[in-house]
């Protein structure tokens, strides 16, 4: 993969992971700082890799640089004393080691927890979908505008208002307690369903984007099936629905971009793999 293709690919796959981990460390009220750190990291990657060539492990390079930038910020900014040191019992001659956990488990847990933050009932549902696309899927305002058949300025304002709401509410990045999990999970599943529907039924002519929306919704919902607390019958039912619908994606549109009704679809174009997965989730 060429450098000009790799960085956008890594932005889509790794941005959400690093953002989630940093937000968990700093708190959702410092979302903007986390976004700046990750954006600076990708900017540095585009400049450095173009001159010096690709590192052996590009994703690990991004993680290391983001971690170092976050550590520098915490050491030299008042945020360090406010957010980190205040939570540590202070004693004489103690050197505070800043630990930023980028283990696979923490990356996974942070993304799952961020899902519940973004799908908080205090935020309008259209903003939840936009935030999910932006923070959890790595979509920019222009791509989101395309998905919603809107303009970039409108989407940017919507995202800004939603992020301001998250900061003002100071919502904790965590899986809700058992007593609230079902109620909160309902909001998450509604957002995932609407996100999938934007791709499945969108009138946008960008078929690649439409597929990406569906795949991202499925990826996020699948994460819920991997966690014991969120692996409920309702989650599996949604995965079933998504799998069956997406299995016919290739057969639903002709070469002119026109919709082919169910009865006229070429069954050989249906994905047997997705149908089998749908049956598995159904069972």
C-alpha atoms as a PDB file:
ATOM      1  CA  UNK A   1       0.000   0.000   0.000  1.00  0.00           C
ATOM      2  CA  UNK A   2       1.391   3.402  -1.012  1.00  0.00           C
ATOM      3  CA  UNK A   3       2.018   6.143   1.559  1.00  0.00           C
ATOM      4  CA  UNK A   4      -0.831   8.293   0.190  1.00  0.00           C
ATOM      5  CA  UNK A   5      -3.190   5.329   0.631  1.00  0.00           C
ATOM      6  CA  UNK A   6      -1.811   4.004   3.916  1.00  0.00           C
ATOM      7  CA  UNK A   7      -2.287   7.127   6.022  1.00  0.00           C
ATOM      8  CA  UNK A   8      -6.023   7.522   5.193  1.00  0.00           C
ATOM      9  CA  UNK A   9      -6.444   3.784   5.861  1.00  0.00           C
ATOM     10  CA  UNK A  10      -4.684   4.017   9.224  1.00  0.00           C
ATOM     11  CA  UNK A  11      -6.669   7.130  10.089  1.00  0.00           C
ATOM     12  CA  UNK A  12      -9.872   5.137   9.602  1.00  0.00           C
ATOM     13  CA  UNK A  13      -8.675   2.127  11.613  1.00  0.00           C
ATOM     14  CA  UNK A  14      -6.428   3.595  14.327  1.00  0.00           C
ATOM     15  CA  UNK A  15      -7.794   7.114  14.966  1.00  0.00           C
ATOM     16  CA  UNK A  16     -10.779   5.791  16.928  1.00  0.00           C
ATOM     17  CA  UNK A  17      -8.578   3.554  19.068  1.00  0.00           C
ATOM     18  CA  UNK A  18      -6.107   6.262  20.091  1.00  0.00           C
ATOM     19  CA  UNK A  19      -8.856   8.836  20.672  1.00  0.00           C
ATOM     20  CA  UNK A  20     -10.772   6.428  22.916  1.00  0.00           C
ATOM     21  CA  UNK A  21      -7.705   5.608  25.023  1.00  0.00           C
ATOM     22  CA  UNK A  22      -6.671   9.248  25.422  1.00  0.00           C
ATOM     23  CA  UNK A  23     -10.199  10.348  26.297  1.00  0.00           C
ATOM     24  CA  UNK A  24     -10.390   7.619  28.919  1.00  0.00           C
ATOM     25  CA  UNK A  25      -7.142   8.957  30.425  1.00  0.00           C
ATOM     26  CA  UNK A  26      -7.924  12.680  30.207  1.00  0.00           C
ATOM     27  CA  UNK A  27     -11.709  12.604  30.595  1.00  0.00           C
ATOM     28  CA  UNK A  28     -14.344  13.399  27.991  1.00  0.00           C
ATOM     29  CA  UNK A  29     -14.163  17.090  28.935  1.00  0.00           C
ATOM     30  CA  UNK A  30     -10.736  17.118  27.265  1.00  0.00           C
ATOM     31  CA  UNK A  31     -11.906  15.493  24.024  1.00  0.00           C
ATOM     32  CA  UNK A  32     -10.588  18.428  22.011  1.00  0.00           C
ATOM     33  CA  UNK A  33      -7.075  17.946  23.444  1.00  0.00           C
ATOM     34  CA  UNK A  34      -7.162  14.246  22.544  1.00  0.00           C
ATOM     35  CA  UNK A  35      -8.277  15.125  19.005  1.00  0.00           C
ATOM     36  CA  UNK A  36      -5.437  17.654  18.661  1.00  0.00           C
ATOM     37  CA  UNK A  37      -2.861  15.087  19.795  1.00  0.00           C
ATOM     38  CA  UNK A  38      -4.038  12.465  17.308  1.00  0.00           C
ATOM     39  CA  UNK A  39      -4.392  14.984  14.457  1.00  0.00           C
ATOM     40  CA  UNK A  40      -0.839  16.259  15.117  1.00  0.00           C
ATOM     41  CA  UNK A  41       0.396  12.665  15.100  1.00  0.00           C
ATOM     42  CA  UNK A  42      -1.103  11.926  11.693  1.00  0.00           C
ATOM     43  CA  UNK A  43       0.192  15.242  10.333  1.00  0.00           C
ATOM     44  CA  UNK A  44       3.690  14.335  11.542  1.00  0.00           C
ATOM     45  CA  UNK A  45       3.307  10.902   9.936  1.00  0.00           C
ATOM     46  CA  UNK A  46       2.423  12.396   6.558  1.00  0.00           C
ATOM     47  CA  UNK A  47       5.460  14.699   6.736  1.00  0.00           C
ATOM     48  CA  UNK A  48       7.978  12.217   8.164  1.00  0.00           C
ATOM     49  CA  UNK A  49       7.036   9.117   6.200  1.00  0.00           C
ATOM     50  CA  UNK A  50       7.159  11.038   2.949  1.00  0.00           C
ATOM     51  CA  UNK A  51      10.780  12.029   3.628  1.00  0.00           C
ATOM     52  CA  UNK A  52      12.195   9.057   5.518  1.00  0.00           C
ATOM     53  CA  UNK A  53       9.987   6.250   4.261  1.00  0.00           C
ATOM     54  CA  UNK A  54       7.535   4.034   6.132  1.00  0.00           C
ATOM     55  CA  UNK A  55       8.459   2.686   9.573  1.00  0.00           C
ATOM     56  CA  UNK A  56       8.486  -1.095  10.052  1.00  0.00           C
ATOM     57  CA  UNK A  57       5.204  -0.957  11.973  1.00  0.00           C
ATOM     58  CA  UNK A  58       3.245   2.185  10.988  1.00  0.00           C
ATOM     59  CA  UNK A  59       0.403   1.589  13.467  1.00  0.00           C
ATOM     60  CA  UNK A  60       2.839   1.100  16.360  1.00  0.00           C
ATOM     61  CA  UNK A  61       4.641   4.307  15.269  1.00  0.00           C
ATOM     62  CA  UNK A  62       1.354   6.218  15.554  1.00  0.00           C
ATOM     63  CA  UNK A  63       0.673   4.759  19.002  1.00  0.00           C
ATOM     64  CA  UNK A  64       4.164   5.626  20.262  1.00  0.00           C
ATOM     65  CA  UNK A  65       4.117   9.197  18.959  1.00  0.00           C
ATOM     66  CA  UNK A  66       0.601   9.832  20.318  1.00  0.00           C
ATOM     67  CA  UNK A  67       1.628   8.427  23.698  1.00  0.00           C
ATOM     68  CA  UNK A  68       4.735  10.601  23.834  1.00  0.00           C
ATOM     69  CA  UNK A  69       2.778  13.717  22.845  1.00  0.00           C
ATOM     70  CA  UNK A  70       0.231  12.992  25.574  1.00  0.00           C
ATOM     71  CA  UNK A  71       2.988  12.456  28.159  1.00  0.00           C
ATOM     72  CA  UNK A  72       4.668  15.736  27.202  1.00  0.00           C
ATOM     73  CA  UNK A  73       1.361  17.539  27.533  1.00  0.00           C
ATOM     74  CA  UNK A  74       0.672  16.065  30.949  1.00  0.00           C
ATOM     75  CA  UNK A  75       4.146  16.914  32.194  1.00  0.00           C
ATOM     76  CA  UNK A  76       4.206  20.517  31.038  1.00  0.00           C
ATOM     77  CA  UNK A  77       0.577  21.521  31.299  1.00  0.00           C
ATOM     78  CA  UNK A  78      -1.616  22.392  34.272  1.00  0.00           C
ATOM     79  CA  UNK A  79      -3.799  19.517  33.146  1.00  0.00           C
ATOM     80  CA  UNK A  80      -1.215  17.197  34.707  1.00  0.00           C
ATOM     81  CA  UNK A  81      -1.748  18.528  38.204  1.00  0.00           C
ATOM     82  CA  UNK A  82      -5.493  18.867  37.764  1.00  0.00           C
ATOM     83  CA  UNK A  83      -6.235  15.493  36.231  1.00  0.00           C
ATOM     84  CA  UNK A  84      -3.451  13.084  37.167  1.00  0.00           C
ATOM     85  CA  UNK A  85      -1.509  14.218  40.230  1.00  0.00           C
ATOM     86  CA  UNK A  86      -4.665  15.158  42.127  1.00  0.00           C
ATOM     87  CA  UNK A  87      -5.779  11.544  41.829  1.00  0.00           C
ATOM     88  CA  UNK A  88      -2.531  10.196  43.269  1.00  0.00           C
ATOM     89  CA  UNK A  89      -1.765  10.304  46.964  1.00  0.00           C
ATOM     90  CA  UNK A  90       1.032  12.800  47.210  1.00  0.00           C
ATOM     91  CA  UNK A  91       4.056  12.043  49.350  1.00  0.00           C
ATOM     92  CA  UNK A  92       7.567  13.408  49.642  1.00  0.00           C
ATOM     93  CA  UNK A  93      10.162  12.553  47.012  1.00  0.00           C
ATOM     94  CA  UNK A  94       7.721  10.637  44.809  1.00  0.00           C
ATOM     95  CA  UNK A  95       8.337  10.601  41.069  1.00  0.00           C
ATOM     96  CA  UNK A  96       5.069  10.294  39.184  1.00  0.00           C
ATOM     97  CA  UNK A  97       5.229   7.870  36.286  1.00  0.00           C
ATOM     98  CA  UNK A  98       2.635   8.639  33.637  1.00  0.00           C
ATOM     99  CA  UNK A  99       1.267   5.380  32.313  1.00  0.00           C
ATOM    100  CA  UNK A 100      -0.715   5.429  29.072  1.00  0.00           C
ATOM    101  CA  UNK A 101      -2.111   1.962  28.526  1.00  0.00           C
ATOM    102  CA  UNK A 102      -2.141   1.059  24.836  1.00  0.00           C
ATOM    103  CA  UNK A 103      -2.621  -2.654  25.391  1.00  0.00           C
ATOM    104  CA  UNK A 104      -5.088  -4.463  23.125  1.00  0.00           C
ATOM    105  CA  UNK A 105      -7.487  -4.945  26.039  1.00  0.00           C
ATOM    106  CA  UNK A 106      -7.508  -1.289  27.048  1.00  0.00           C
ATOM    107  CA  UNK A 107      -7.916  -0.176  23.430  1.00  0.00           C
ATOM    108  CA  UNK A 108     -10.895  -2.515  23.053  1.00  0.00           C
ATOM    109  CA  UNK A 109     -12.443  -1.554  26.417  1.00  0.00           C
ATOM    110  CA  UNK A 110     -11.987   2.170  25.743  1.00  0.00           C
ATOM    111  CA  UNK A 111     -13.787   1.945  22.384  1.00  0.00           C
ATOM    112  CA  UNK A 112     -16.673   0.033  23.933  1.00  0.00           C
ATOM    113  CA  UNK A 113     -16.963   2.529  26.786  1.00  0.00           C
ATOM    114  CA  UNK A 114     -16.781   5.447  24.359  1.00  0.00           C
ATOM    115  CA  UNK A 115     -19.725   3.940  22.501  1.00  0.00           C
ATOM    116  CA  UNK A 116     -21.896   4.410  25.592  1.00  0.00           C
ATOM    117  CA  UNK A 117     -20.622   7.977  26.056  1.00  0.00           C
ATOM    118  CA  UNK A 118     -21.495   8.967  22.487  1.00  0.00           C
ATOM    119  CA  UNK A 119     -24.896   7.255  22.617  1.00  0.00           C
ATOM    120  CA  UNK A 120     -25.900   9.078  25.794  1.00  0.00           C
ATOM    121  CA  UNK A 121     -29.644   9.916  25.836  1.00  0.00           C
ATOM    122  CA  UNK A 122     -28.848  13.559  26.677  1.00  0.00           C
ATOM    123  CA  UNK A 123     -27.560  14.018  23.105  1.00  0.00           C
ATOM    124  CA  UNK A 124     -29.913  14.258  20.105  1.00  0.00           C
ATOM    125  CA  UNK A 125     -30.019  11.034  18.085  1.00  0.00           C
ATOM    126  CA  UNK A 126     -28.778  12.695  14.870  1.00  0.00           C
ATOM    127  CA  UNK A 127     -25.807  14.022  16.823  1.00  0.00           C
ATOM    128  CA  UNK A 128     -25.157  10.568  18.282  1.00  0.00           C
ATOM    129  CA  UNK A 129     -24.904   9.142  14.763  1.00  0.00           C
ATOM    130  CA  UNK A 130     -22.618  11.983  13.678  1.00  0.00           C
ATOM    131  CA  UNK A 131     -20.355  11.523  16.707  1.00  0.00           C
ATOM    132  CA  UNK A 132     -20.243   7.765  16.160  1.00  0.00           C
ATOM    133  CA  UNK A 133     -19.133   8.329  12.570  1.00  0.00           C
ATOM    134  CA  UNK A 134     -16.599  10.971  13.603  1.00  0.00           C
ATOM    135  CA  UNK A 135     -15.041   9.529  16.771  1.00  0.00           C
ATOM    136  CA  UNK A 136     -15.693   5.788  16.530  1.00  0.00           C
ATOM    137  CA  UNK A 137     -15.384   5.380  12.754  1.00  0.00           C
ATOM    138  CA  UNK A 138     -12.880   8.082  11.805  1.00  0.00           C
ATOM    139  CA  UNK A 139     -15.171   9.844   9.287  1.00  0.00           C
ATOM    140  CA  UNK A 140     -14.561  13.515   8.560  1.00  0.00           C
ATOM    141  CA  UNK A 141     -17.272  16.195   8.379  1.00  0.00           C
ATOM    142  CA  UNK A 142     -17.295  16.032   4.569  1.00  0.00           C
ATOM    143  CA  UNK A 143     -17.901  12.260   4.512  1.00  0.00           C
ATOM    144  CA  UNK A 144     -20.633  12.579   7.131  1.00  0.00           C
ATOM    145  CA  UNK A 145     -22.242  15.371   5.110  1.00  0.00           C
ATOM    146  CA  UNK A 146     -22.238  13.071   2.077  1.00  0.00           C
ATOM    147  CA  UNK A 147     -23.886  10.303   4.100  1.00  0.00           C
ATOM    148  CA  UNK A 148     -26.577  12.646   5.412  1.00  0.00           C
ATOM    149  CA  UNK A 149     -26.946  14.471   2.086  1.00  0.00           C
ATOM    150  CA  UNK A 150     -26.134  17.661   3.958  1.00  0.00           C
ATOM    151  CA  UNK A 151     -23.359  20.260   3.750  1.00  0.00           C
ATOM    152  CA  UNK A 152     -20.054  20.253   5.565  1.00  0.00           C
ATOM    153  CA  UNK A 153     -20.753  23.426   7.564  1.00  0.00           C
ATOM    154  CA  UNK A 154     -24.001  22.050   8.984  1.00  0.00           C
ATOM    155  CA  UNK A 155     -22.357  18.793  10.030  1.00  0.00           C
ATOM    156  CA  UNK A 156     -19.389  20.619  11.552  1.00  0.00           C
ATOM    157  CA  UNK A 157     -21.701  22.775  13.687  1.00  0.00           C
ATOM    158  CA  UNK A 158     -23.702  19.706  14.733  1.00  0.00           C
ATOM    159  CA  UNK A 159     -20.552  17.868  15.797  1.00  0.00           C
ATOM    160  CA  UNK A 160     -19.249  20.905  17.669  1.00  0.00           C
ATOM    161  CA  UNK A 161     -22.490  21.303  19.621  1.00  0.00           C
ATOM    162  CA  UNK A 162     -22.554  17.590  20.471  1.00  0.00           C
ATOM    163  CA  UNK A 163     -18.936  17.635  21.691  1.00  0.00           C
ATOM    164  CA  UNK A 164     -19.663  20.747  23.779  1.00  0.00           C
ATOM    165  CA  UNK A 165     -22.566  18.821  25.327  1.00  0.00           C
ATOM    166  CA  UNK A 166     -20.300  15.893  26.173  1.00  0.00           C
ATOM    167  CA  UNK A 167     -17.795  18.217  27.820  1.00  0.00           C
ATOM    168  CA  UNK A 168     -20.404  20.122  29.829  1.00  0.00           C
ATOM    169  CA  UNK A 169     -22.054  16.918  31.042  1.00  0.00           C
ATOM    170  CA  UNK A 170     -18.643  15.436  32.011  1.00  0.00           C
ATOM    171  CA  UNK A 171     -19.942  11.958  31.268  1.00  0.00           C
ATOM    172  CA  UNK A 172     -17.714   9.210  32.639  1.00  0.00           C
ATOM    173  CA  UNK A 173     -16.113   6.890  30.093  1.00  0.00           C
ATOM    174  CA  UNK A 174     -17.253   3.547  31.448  1.00  0.00           C
ATOM    175  CA  UNK A 175     -19.658   0.676  30.882  1.00  0.00           C
ATOM    176  CA  UNK A 176     -22.891   1.560  32.737  1.00  0.00           C
ATOM    177  CA  UNK A 177     -23.630  -0.387  35.935  1.00  0.00           C
ATOM    178  CA  UNK A 178     -25.694  -3.590  35.646  1.00  0.00           C
ATOM    179  CA  UNK A 179     -28.820  -1.770  36.865  1.00  0.00           C
ATOM    180  CA  UNK A 180     -28.677   0.635  33.907  1.00  0.00           C
ATOM    181  CA  UNK A 181     -27.089  -1.495  31.200  1.00  0.00           C
ATOM    182  CA  UNK A 182     -30.297  -2.555  29.424  1.00  0.00           C
ATOM    183  CA  UNK A 183     -31.716   0.969  29.260  1.00  0.00           C
ATOM    184  CA  UNK A 184     -28.438   2.467  28.010  1.00  0.00           C
ATOM    185  CA  UNK A 185     -27.880  -0.417  25.620  1.00  0.00           C
ATOM    186  CA  UNK A 186     -31.185   0.421  23.958  1.00  0.00           C
ATOM    187  CA  UNK A 187     -29.853   3.868  23.034  1.00  0.00           C
ATOM    188  CA  UNK A 188     -26.623   2.366  21.684  1.00  0.00           C
ATOM    189  CA  UNK A 189     -28.478  -0.176  19.538  1.00  0.00           C
ATOM    190  CA  UNK A 190     -30.808   2.494  18.179  1.00  0.00           C
ATOM    191  CA  UNK A 191     -27.806   4.542  17.067  1.00  0.00           C
ATOM    192  CA  UNK A 192     -26.121   1.474  15.523  1.00  0.00           C
ATOM    193  CA  UNK A 193     -29.325   0.586  13.649  1.00  0.00           C
ATOM    194  CA  UNK A 194     -29.742   4.118  12.288  1.00  0.00           C
ATOM    195  CA  UNK A 195     -26.058   4.221  11.334  1.00  0.00           C
ATOM    196  CA  UNK A 196     -26.479   0.972   9.403  1.00  0.00           C
ATOM    197  CA  UNK A 197     -29.671   2.268   7.781  1.00  0.00           C
ATOM    198  CA  UNK A 198     -27.865   5.377   6.546  1.00  0.00           C
ATOM    199  CA  UNK A 199     -25.646   3.057   4.541  1.00  0.00           C
ATOM    200  CA  UNK A 200     -28.259   0.470   3.616  1.00  0.00           C
ATOM    201  CA  UNK A 201     -30.910   2.892   2.365  1.00  0.00           C
ATOM    202  CA  UNK A 202     -28.927   6.055   1.621  1.00  0.00           C
ATOM    203  CA  UNK A 203     -29.642   7.764  -1.698  1.00  0.00           C
ATOM    204  CA  UNK A 204     -26.024   8.900  -1.897  1.00  0.00           C
ATOM    205  CA  UNK A 205     -24.365   7.763  -5.127  1.00  0.00           C
ATOM    206  CA  UNK A 206     -21.114   7.064  -3.232  1.00  0.00           C
ATOM    207  CA  UNK A 207     -21.442   3.275  -3.046  1.00  0.00           C
ATOM    208  CA  UNK A 208     -18.063   2.874  -1.304  1.00  0.00           C
ATOM    209  CA  UNK A 209     -19.202   5.211   1.460  1.00  0.00           C
ATOM    210  CA  UNK A 210     -22.514   3.376   1.782  1.00  0.00           C
ATOM    211  CA  UNK A 211     -20.706   0.062   2.276  1.00  0.00           C
ATOM    212  CA  UNK A 212     -18.343   1.653   4.796  1.00  0.00           C
ATOM    213  CA  UNK A 213     -21.283   2.935   6.857  1.00  0.00           C
ATOM    214  CA  UNK A 214     -22.789  -0.553   7.006  1.00  0.00           C
ATOM    215  CA  UNK A 215     -19.481  -2.205   7.847  1.00  0.00           C
ATOM    216  CA  UNK A 216     -18.717   0.300  10.612  1.00  0.00           C
ATOM    217  CA  UNK A 217     -22.164  -0.206  12.163  1.00  0.00           C
ATOM    218  CA  UNK A 218     -21.604  -3.966  12.056  1.00  0.00           C
ATOM    219  CA  UNK A 219     -18.102  -3.645  13.519  1.00  0.00           C
ATOM    220  CA  UNK A 220     -19.334  -1.593  16.465  1.00  0.00           C
ATOM    221  CA  UNK A 221     -22.333  -3.866  17.099  1.00  0.00           C
ATOM    222  CA  UNK A 222     -20.107  -6.941  16.907  1.00  0.00           C
ATOM    223  CA  UNK A 223     -17.959  -5.442  19.673  1.00  0.00           C
ATOM    224  CA  UNK A 224     -21.062  -5.556  21.870  1.00  0.00           C
ATOM    225  CA  UNK A 225     -21.391  -9.317  21.275  1.00  0.00           C
ATOM    226  CA  UNK A 226     -17.809  -9.838  22.490  1.00  0.00           C
ATOM    227  CA  UNK A 227     -18.496  -8.332  25.916  1.00  0.00           C
ATOM    228  CA  UNK A 228     -20.301 -10.473  28.501  1.00  0.00           C
ATOM    229  CA  UNK A 229     -22.337  -7.537  29.840  1.00  0.00           C
ATOM    230  CA  UNK A 230     -23.584  -6.439  26.423  1.00  0.00           C
ATOM    231  CA  UNK A 231     -23.898  -9.776  24.611  1.00  0.00           C
ATOM    232  CA  UNK A 232     -27.705  -9.837  24.881  1.00  0.00           C
ATOM    233  CA  UNK A 233     -30.371 -11.420  22.632  1.00  0.00           C
ATOM    234  CA  UNK A 234     -31.266  -7.954  21.327  1.00  0.00           C
ATOM    235  CA  UNK A 235     -27.670  -7.262  20.276  1.00  0.00           C
ATOM    236  CA  UNK A 236     -27.500 -10.621  18.492  1.00  0.00           C
ATOM    237  CA  UNK A 237     -30.838  -9.896  16.823  1.00  0.00           C
ATOM    238  CA  UNK A 238     -29.468  -6.634  15.426  1.00  0.00           C
ATOM    239  CA  UNK A 239     -26.336  -8.422  14.177  1.00  0.00           C
ATOM    240  CA  UNK A 240     -28.635 -10.944  12.471  1.00  0.00           C
ATOM    241  CA  UNK A 241     -30.576  -8.190  10.742  1.00  0.00           C
ATOM    242  CA  UNK A 242     -27.422  -6.398   9.632  1.00  0.00           C
ATOM    243  CA  UNK A 243     -25.813  -9.598   8.341  1.00  0.00           C
ATOM    244  CA  UNK A 244     -28.844 -10.644   6.284  1.00  0.00           C
ATOM    245  CA  UNK A 245     -29.347  -7.168   4.812  1.00  0.00           C
ATOM    246  CA  UNK A 246     -25.683  -6.631   3.961  1.00  0.00           C
ATOM    247  CA  UNK A 247     -25.431 -10.096   2.371  1.00  0.00           C
ATOM    248  CA  UNK A 248     -27.514  -8.778  -0.552  1.00  0.00           C
ATOM    249  CA  UNK A 249     -25.643  -5.504  -0.956  1.00  0.00           C
ATOM    250  CA  UNK A 250     -23.870  -6.470  -4.199  1.00  0.00           C
ATOM    251  CA  UNK A 251     -27.130  -7.654  -5.779  1.00  0.00           C
ATOM    252  CA  UNK A 252     -29.251  -4.625  -4.908  1.00  0.00           C
ATOM    253  CA  UNK A 253     -27.707  -2.071  -7.261  1.00  0.00           C
ATOM    254  CA  UNK A 254     -27.164  -2.372 -11.027  1.00  0.00           C
ATOM    255  CA  UNK A 255     -24.320  -0.825 -13.048  1.00  0.00           C
ATOM    256  CA  UNK A 256     -26.303   2.409 -13.433  1.00  0.00           C
ATOM    257  CA  UNK A 257     -26.732   2.765  -9.679  1.00  0.00           C
ATOM    258  CA  UNK A 258     -30.423   1.825  -9.809  1.00  0.00           C
ATOM    259  CA  UNK A 259     -32.065  -0.319  -7.134  1.00  0.00           C
ATOM    260  CA  UNK A 260     -32.939  -3.913  -8.062  1.00  0.00           C
ATOM    261  CA  UNK A 261     -35.981  -5.238  -6.187  1.00  0.00           C
ATOM    262  CA  UNK A 262     -35.671  -8.457  -4.178  1.00  0.00           C
ATOM    263  CA  UNK A 263     -37.490 -10.670  -6.720  1.00  0.00           C
ATOM    264  CA  UNK A 264     -35.147  -9.606  -9.549  1.00  0.00           C
ATOM    265  CA  UNK A 265     -31.845  -9.912  -7.688  1.00  0.00           C
ATOM    266  CA  UNK A 266     -29.128 -12.305  -8.822  1.00  0.00           C
ATOM    267  CA  UNK A 267     -28.950 -14.793  -5.941  1.00  0.00           C
ATOM    268  CA  UNK A 268     -25.409 -15.788  -6.931  1.00  0.00           C
ATOM    269  CA  UNK A 269     -24.281 -12.314  -5.843  1.00  0.00           C
ATOM    270  CA  UNK A 270     -25.559 -12.808  -2.299  1.00  0.00           C
ATOM    271  CA  UNK A 271     -22.817 -13.339   0.281  1.00  0.00           C
ATOM    272  CA  UNK A 272     -23.119 -16.863   1.689  1.00  0.00           C
ATOM    273  CA  UNK A 273     -20.585 -15.954   4.385  1.00  0.00           C
ATOM    274  CA  UNK A 274     -22.748 -13.114   5.715  1.00  0.00           C
ATOM    275  CA  UNK A 275     -25.879 -15.276   5.514  1.00  0.00           C
ATOM    276  CA  UNK A 276     -24.141 -17.947   7.602  1.00  0.00           C
ATOM    277  CA  UNK A 277     -23.038 -15.316  10.116  1.00  0.00           C
ATOM    278  CA  UNK A 278     -26.610 -14.010  10.278  1.00  0.00           C
ATOM    279  CA  UNK A 279     -27.890 -17.508  11.003  1.00  0.00           C
ATOM    280  CA  UNK A 280     -25.226 -17.943  13.687  1.00  0.00           C
ATOM    281  CA  UNK A 281     -26.275 -14.739  15.467  1.00  0.00           C
ATOM    282  CA  UNK A 282     -29.939 -15.722  15.073  1.00  0.00           C
ATOM    283  CA  UNK A 283     -29.306 -19.079  16.746  1.00  0.00           C
END
